[in-house]
Amino acid sequence: MPQDAHHKAAEHHENAAKAHRTAAEHHGKGDHEAGKKHSATALEHSGKAHEASQAAHQKSQQQK
């Protein structure tokens, strides 16, 4: 179902955003080691979000 694919993509986008905010918070406090860790997590989720978004788009196109 395309809607499930869109939900999966949205979850990855939300996880990436949360990790970005957490990374910024740590960097702002001078805790750069934790900031780097959360930045890496954000990058991972961003990549998954991109892949899931592409898959959702393809599934939506097949439904037309």
PDB file of N, CA and C in Angstrom:
ATOM      1  N   MET A   1       0.831  -1.179   0.000  1.00  0.00           N
ATOM      2  CA  MET A   1       0.000   0.000   0.000  1.00  0.00           C
ATOM      3  C   MET A   1       0.885   1.256   0.000  1.00  0.00           C
ATOM      4  N   PRO A   2       0.607   2.166  -0.900  1.00  0.00           N
ATOM      5  CA  PRO A   2       1.421   3.391  -0.961  1.00  0.00           C
ATOM      6  C   PRO A   2       1.396   4.204   0.323  1.00  0.00           C
ATOM      7  N   GLN A   3       0.270   4.218   1.031  1.00  0.00           N
ATOM      8  CA  GLN A   3       0.199   5.020   2.247  1.00  0.00           C
ATOM      9  C   GLN A   3       1.183   4.504   3.290  1.00  0.00           C
ATOM     10  N   ASP A   4       1.358   3.188   3.395  1.00  0.00           N
ATOM     11  CA  ASP A   4       2.340   2.629   4.320  1.00  0.00           C
ATOM     12  C   ASP A   4       3.741   3.101   3.959  1.00  0.00           C
ATOM     13  N   ALA A   5       4.028   3.149   2.680  1.00  0.00           N
ATOM     14  CA  ALA A   5       5.343   3.608   2.224  1.00  0.00           C
ATOM     15  C   ALA A   5       5.557   5.067   2.596  1.00  0.00           C
ATOM     16  N   HIS A   6       4.507   5.875   2.477  1.00  0.00           N
ATOM     17  CA  HIS A   6       4.615   7.293   2.843  1.00  0.00           C
ATOM     18  C   HIS A   6       4.805   7.456   4.342  1.00  0.00           C
ATOM     19  N   HIS A   7       4.143   6.625   5.124  1.00  0.00           N
ATOM     20  CA  HIS A   7       4.312   6.679   6.577  1.00  0.00           C
ATOM     21  C   HIS A   7       5.737   6.305   6.969  1.00  0.00           C
ATOM     22  N   LYS A   8       6.279   5.296   6.302  1.00  0.00           N
ATOM     23  CA  LYS A   8       7.653   4.872   6.583  1.00  0.00           C
ATOM     24  C   LYS A   8       8.621   6.008   6.257  1.00  0.00           C
ATOM     25  N   ALA A   9       8.413   6.648   5.120  1.00  0.00           N
ATOM     26  CA  ALA A   9       9.277   7.773   4.733  1.00  0.00           C
ATOM     27  C   ALA A   9       9.164   8.899   5.756  1.00  0.00           C
ATOM     28  N   ALA A  10       7.945   9.189   6.192  1.00  0.00           N
ATOM     29  CA  ALA A  10       7.732  10.260   7.175  1.00  0.00           C
ATOM     30  C   ALA A  10       8.432   9.947   8.489  1.00  0.00           C
ATOM     31  N   GLU A  11       8.395   8.696   8.912  1.00  0.00           N
ATOM     32  CA  GLU A  11       9.080   8.305  10.155  1.00  0.00           C
ATOM     33  C   GLU A  11      10.577   8.559  10.055  1.00  0.00           C
ATOM     34  N   HIS A  12      11.163   8.200   8.916  1.00  0.00           N
ATOM     35  CA  HIS A  12      12.601   8.430   8.742  1.00  0.00           C
ATOM     36  C   HIS A  12      12.912   9.927   8.723  1.00  0.00           C
ATOM     37  N   HIS A  13      12.058  10.725   8.082  1.00  0.00           N
ATOM     38  CA  HIS A  13      12.258  12.177   8.068  1.00  0.00           C
ATOM     39  C   HIS A  13      12.188  12.735   9.482  1.00  0.00           C
ATOM     40  N   GLU A  14      11.219  12.257  10.266  1.00  0.00           N
ATOM     41  CA  GLU A  14      11.079  12.729  11.651  1.00  0.00           C
ATOM     42  C   GLU A  14      12.292  12.317  12.496  1.00  0.00           C
ATOM     43  N   ASN A  15      12.777  11.088  12.295  1.00  0.00           N
ATOM     44  CA  ASN A  15      13.956  10.628  13.032  1.00  0.00           C
ATOM     45  C   ASN A  15      15.187  11.451  12.661  1.00  0.00           C
ATOM     46  N   ALA A  16      15.315  11.774  11.383  1.00  0.00           N
ATOM     47  CA  ALA A  16      16.449  12.594  10.941  1.00  0.00           C
ATOM     48  C   ALA A  16      16.373  13.980  11.571  1.00  0.00           C
ATOM     49  N   ALA A  17      15.184  14.570  11.571  1.00  0.00           N
ATOM     50  CA  ALA A  17      15.018  15.906  12.144  1.00  0.00           C
ATOM     51  C   ALA A  17      15.344  15.899  13.640  1.00  0.00           C
ATOM     52  N   LYS A  18      14.887  14.875  14.331  1.00  0.00           N
ATOM     53  CA  LYS A  18      15.165  14.779  15.771  1.00  0.00           C
ATOM     54  C   LYS A  18      16.667  14.667  16.021  1.00  0.00           C
ATOM     55  N   ALA A  19      17.344  13.839  15.233  1.00  0.00           N
ATOM     56  CA  ALA A  19      18.783  13.678  15.394  1.00  0.00           C
ATOM     57  C   ALA A  19      19.522  14.976  15.066  1.00  0.00           C
ATOM     58  N   HIS A  20      19.053  15.716  14.051  1.00  0.00           N
ATOM     59  CA  HIS A  20      19.659  17.006  13.715  1.00  0.00           C
ATOM     60  C   HIS A  20      19.511  17.992  14.871  1.00  0.00           C
ATOM     61  N   ARG A  21      18.312  18.038  15.450  1.00  0.00           N
ATOM     62  CA  ARG A  21      18.094  18.952  16.578  1.00  0.00           C
ATOM     63  C   ARG A  21      18.975  18.580  17.764  1.00  0.00           C
ATOM     64  N   THR A  22      19.081  17.288  18.029  1.00  0.00           N
ATOM     65  CA  THR A  22      19.900  16.821  19.146  1.00  0.00           C
ATOM     66  C   THR A  22      21.373  17.142  18.894  1.00  0.00           C
ATOM     67  N   ALA A  23      21.823  16.940  17.658  1.00  0.00           N
ATOM     68  CA  ALA A  23      23.211  17.264  17.315  1.00  0.00           C
ATOM     69  C   ALA A  23      23.484  18.750  17.520  1.00  0.00           C
ATOM     70  N   ALA A  24      22.561  19.584  17.073  1.00  0.00           N
ATOM     71  CA  ALA A  24      22.733  21.035  17.221  1.00  0.00           C
ATOM     72  C   ALA A  24      22.791  21.424  18.696  1.00  0.00           C
ATOM     73  N   GLU A  25      21.961  20.771  19.488  1.00  0.00           N
ATOM     74  CA  GLU A  25      21.946  21.055  20.925  1.00  0.00           C
ATOM     75  C   GLU A  25      23.303  20.721  21.555  1.00  0.00           C
ATOM     76  N   HIS A  26      23.838  19.566  21.214  1.00  0.00           N
ATOM     77  CA  HIS A  26      25.129  19.150  21.769  1.00  0.00           C
ATOM     78  C   HIS A  26      26.261  20.065  21.286  1.00  0.00           C
ATOM     79  N   HIS A  27      26.243  20.388  19.997  1.00  0.00           N
ATOM     80  CA  HIS A  27      27.278  21.289  19.478  1.00  0.00           C
ATOM     81  C   HIS A  27      27.198  22.643  20.170  1.00  0.00           C
ATOM     82  N   GLY A  28      25.959  23.111  20.391  1.00  0.00           N
ATOM     83  CA  GLY A  28      25.765  24.394  21.058  1.00  0.00           C
ATOM     84  C   GLY A  28      26.295  24.415  22.483  1.00  0.00           C
ATOM     85  N   LYS A  29      26.294  23.248  23.119  1.00  0.00           N
ATOM     86  CA  LYS A  29      26.794  23.141  24.495  1.00  0.00           C
ATOM     87  C   LYS A  29      28.287  22.821  24.538  1.00  0.00           C
ATOM     88  N   GLY A  30      28.900  22.711  23.353  1.00  0.00           N
ATOM     89  CA  GLY A  30      30.328  22.413  23.289  1.00  0.00           C
ATOM     90  C   GLY A  30      30.657  20.933  23.364  1.00  0.00           C
ATOM     91  N   ASP A  31      29.653  20.082  23.384  1.00  0.00           N
ATOM     92  CA  ASP A  31      29.865  18.628  23.418  1.00  0.00           C
ATOM     93  C   ASP A  31      29.922  18.118  21.977  1.00  0.00           C
ATOM     94  N   HIS A  32      31.060  18.369  21.337  1.00  0.00           N
ATOM     95  CA  HIS A  32      31.191  18.080  19.917  1.00  0.00           C
ATOM     96  C   HIS A  32      31.243  16.586  19.612  1.00  0.00           C
ATOM     97  N   GLU A  33      31.727  15.793  20.539  1.00  0.00           N
ATOM     98  CA  GLU A  33      31.768  14.341  20.309  1.00  0.00           C
ATOM     99  C   GLU A  33      30.355  13.786  20.190  1.00  0.00           C
ATOM    100  N   ALA A  34      29.485  14.157  21.118  1.00  0.00           N
ATOM    101  CA  ALA A  34      28.087  13.716  21.050  1.00  0.00           C
ATOM    102  C   ALA A  34      27.403  14.339  19.835  1.00  0.00           C
ATOM    103  N   GLY A  35      27.754  15.578  19.522  1.00  0.00           N
ATOM    104  CA  GLY A  35      27.183  16.239  18.349  1.00  0.00           C
ATOM    105  C   GLY A  35      27.515  15.493  17.067  1.00  0.00           C
ATOM    106  N   LYS A  36      28.770  15.035  16.957  1.00  0.00           N
ATOM    107  CA  LYS A  36      29.176  14.270  15.771  1.00  0.00           C
ATOM    108  C   LYS A  36      28.398  12.962  15.671  1.00  0.00           C
ATOM    109  N   LYS A  37      28.209  12.327  16.812  1.00  0.00           N
ATOM    110  CA  LYS A  37      27.473  11.059  16.831  1.00  0.00           C
ATOM    111  C   LYS A  37      26.039  11.268  16.333  1.00  0.00           C
ATOM    112  N   HIS A  38      25.386  12.294  16.838  1.00  0.00           N
ATOM    113  CA  HIS A  38      24.007  12.558  16.432  1.00  0.00           C
ATOM    114  C   HIS A  38      23.931  13.064  14.995  1.00  0.00           C
ATOM    115  N   SER A  39      24.945  13.765  14.548  1.00  0.00           N
ATOM    116  CA  SER A  39      24.996  14.190  13.145  1.00  0.00           C
ATOM    117  C   SER A  39      25.095  12.979  12.225  1.00  0.00           C
ATOM    118  N   ALA A  40      25.891  12.002  12.615  1.00  0.00           N
ATOM    119  CA  ALA A  40      26.022  10.774  11.823  1.00  0.00           C
ATOM    120  C   ALA A  40      24.693  10.014  11.794  1.00  0.00           C
ATOM    121  N   THR A  41      24.019   9.984  12.937  1.00  0.00           N
ATOM    122  CA  THR A  41      22.708   9.332  12.993  1.00  0.00           C
ATOM    123  C   THR A  41      21.717  10.065  12.095  1.00  0.00           C
ATOM    124  N   ALA A  42      21.759  11.384  12.113  1.00  0.00           N
ATOM    125  CA  ALA A  42      20.875  12.177  11.259  1.00  0.00           C
ATOM    126  C   ALA A  42      21.138  11.887   9.790  1.00  0.00           C
ATOM    127  N   LEU A  43      22.394  11.794   9.421  1.00  0.00           N
ATOM    128  CA  LEU A  43      22.749  11.494   8.032  1.00  0.00           C
ATOM    129  C   LEU A  43      22.215  10.130   7.619  1.00  0.00           C
ATOM    130  N   GLU A  44      22.330   9.157   8.511  1.00  0.00           N
ATOM    131  CA  GLU A  44      21.827   7.809   8.233  1.00  0.00           C
ATOM    132  C   GLU A  44      20.310   7.840   8.012  1.00  0.00           C
ATOM    133  N   HIS A  45      19.598   8.507   8.898  1.00  0.00           N
ATOM    134  CA  HIS A  45      18.144   8.591   8.757  1.00  0.00           C
ATOM    135  C   HIS A  45      17.745   9.397   7.521  1.00  0.00           C
ATOM    136  N   SER A  46      18.519  10.411   7.194  1.00  0.00           N
ATOM    137  CA  SER A  46      18.228  11.206   5.998  1.00  0.00           C
ATOM    138  C   SER A  46      18.339  10.350   4.741  1.00  0.00           C
ATOM    139  N   GLY A  47      19.365   9.515   4.700  1.00  0.00           N
ATOM    140  CA  GLY A  47      19.527   8.604   3.557  1.00  0.00           C
ATOM    141  C   GLY A  47      18.372   7.623   3.460  1.00  0.00           C
ATOM    142  N   LYS A  48      17.976   7.077   4.597  1.00  0.00           N
ATOM    143  CA  LYS A  48      16.843   6.142   4.613  1.00  0.00           C
ATOM    144  C   LYS A  48      15.552   6.857   4.222  1.00  0.00           C
ATOM    145  N   ALA A  49      15.404   8.094   4.668  1.00  0.00           N
ATOM    146  CA  ALA A  49      14.216   8.877   4.319  1.00  0.00           C
ATOM    147  C   ALA A  49      14.161   9.117   2.820  1.00  0.00           C
ATOM    148  N   HIS A  50      15.296   9.434   2.242  1.00  0.00           N
ATOM    149  CA  HIS A  50      15.350   9.661   0.794  1.00  0.00           C
ATOM    150  C   HIS A  50      14.954   8.395   0.037  1.00  0.00           C
ATOM    151  N   GLU A  51      15.526   7.271   0.433  1.00  0.00           N
ATOM    152  CA  GLU A  51      15.201   5.998  -0.228  1.00  0.00           C
ATOM    153  C   GLU A  51      13.723   5.653  -0.059  1.00  0.00           C
ATOM    154  N   ALA A  52      13.202   5.835   1.154  1.00  0.00           N
ATOM    155  CA  ALA A  52      11.797   5.516   1.416  1.00  0.00           C
ATOM    156  C   ALA A  52      10.876   6.464   0.643  1.00  0.00           C
ATOM    157  N   SER A  53      11.276   7.714   0.508  1.00  0.00           N
ATOM    158  CA  SER A  53      10.467   8.675  -0.252  1.00  0.00           C
ATOM    159  C   SER A  53      10.420   8.294  -1.731  1.00  0.00           C
ATOM    160  N   GLN A  54      11.544   7.880  -2.260  1.00  0.00           N
ATOM    161  CA  GLN A  54      11.575   7.445  -3.653  1.00  0.00           C
ATOM    162  C   GLN A  54      10.699   6.212  -3.858  1.00  0.00           C
ATOM    163  N   ALA A  55      10.774   5.265  -2.926  1.00  0.00           N
ATOM    164  CA  ALA A  55       9.958   4.052  -3.020  1.00  0.00           C
ATOM    165  C   ALA A  55       8.473   4.404  -2.931  1.00  0.00           C
ATOM    166  N   ALA A  56       8.127   5.307  -2.029  1.00  0.00           N
ATOM    167  CA  ALA A  56       6.728   5.720  -1.882  1.00  0.00           C
ATOM    168  C   ALA A  56       6.235   6.393  -3.160  1.00  0.00           C
ATOM    169  N   HIS A  57       7.087   7.213  -3.730  1.00  0.00           N
ATOM    170  CA  HIS A  57       6.709   7.906  -4.982  1.00  0.00           C
ATOM    171  C   HIS A  57       6.472   6.882  -6.092  1.00  0.00           C
ATOM    172  N   GLN A  58       7.357   5.911  -6.203  1.00  0.00           N
ATOM    173  CA  GLN A  58       7.200   4.882  -7.232  1.00  0.00           C
ATOM    174  C   GLN A  58       5.905   4.102  -7.034  1.00  0.00           C
ATOM    175  N   LYS A  59       5.602   3.756  -5.790  1.00  0.00           N
ATOM    176  CA  LYS A  59       4.379   3.007  -5.506  1.00  0.00           C
ATOM    177  C   LYS A  59       3.146   3.851  -5.841  1.00  0.00           C
ATOM    178  N   SER A  60       3.228   5.146  -5.549  1.00  0.00           N
ATOM    179  CA  SER A  60       2.106   6.035  -5.870  1.00  0.00           C
ATOM    180  C   SER A  60       1.890   6.116  -7.381  1.00  0.00           C
ATOM    181  N   GLN A  61       2.985   6.173  -8.121  1.00  0.00           N
ATOM    182  CA  GLN A  61       2.894   6.249  -9.576  1.00  0.00           C
ATOM    183  C   GLN A  61       2.279   4.986 -10.166  1.00  0.00           C
ATOM    184  N   GLN A  62       2.540   3.849  -9.534  1.00  0.00           N
ATOM    185  CA  GLN A  62       1.990   2.572 -10.024  1.00  0.00           C
ATOM    186  C   GLN A  62       0.488   2.498  -9.798  1.00  0.00           C
ATOM    187  N   GLN A  63      -0.023   3.230  -8.819  1.00  0.00           N
ATOM    188  CA  GLN A  63      -1.452   3.209  -8.501  1.00  0.00           C
ATOM    189  C   GLN A  63      -2.291   4.024  -9.494  1.00  0.00           C
ATOM    190  N   LYS A  64      -1.642   4.875 -10.266  1.00  0.00           N
ATOM    191  CA  LYS A  64      -2.375   5.731 -11.215  1.00  0.00           C
ATOM    192  C   LYS A  64      -2.847   4.957 -12.414  1.00  0.00           C
TER     193      LYS A  64
END
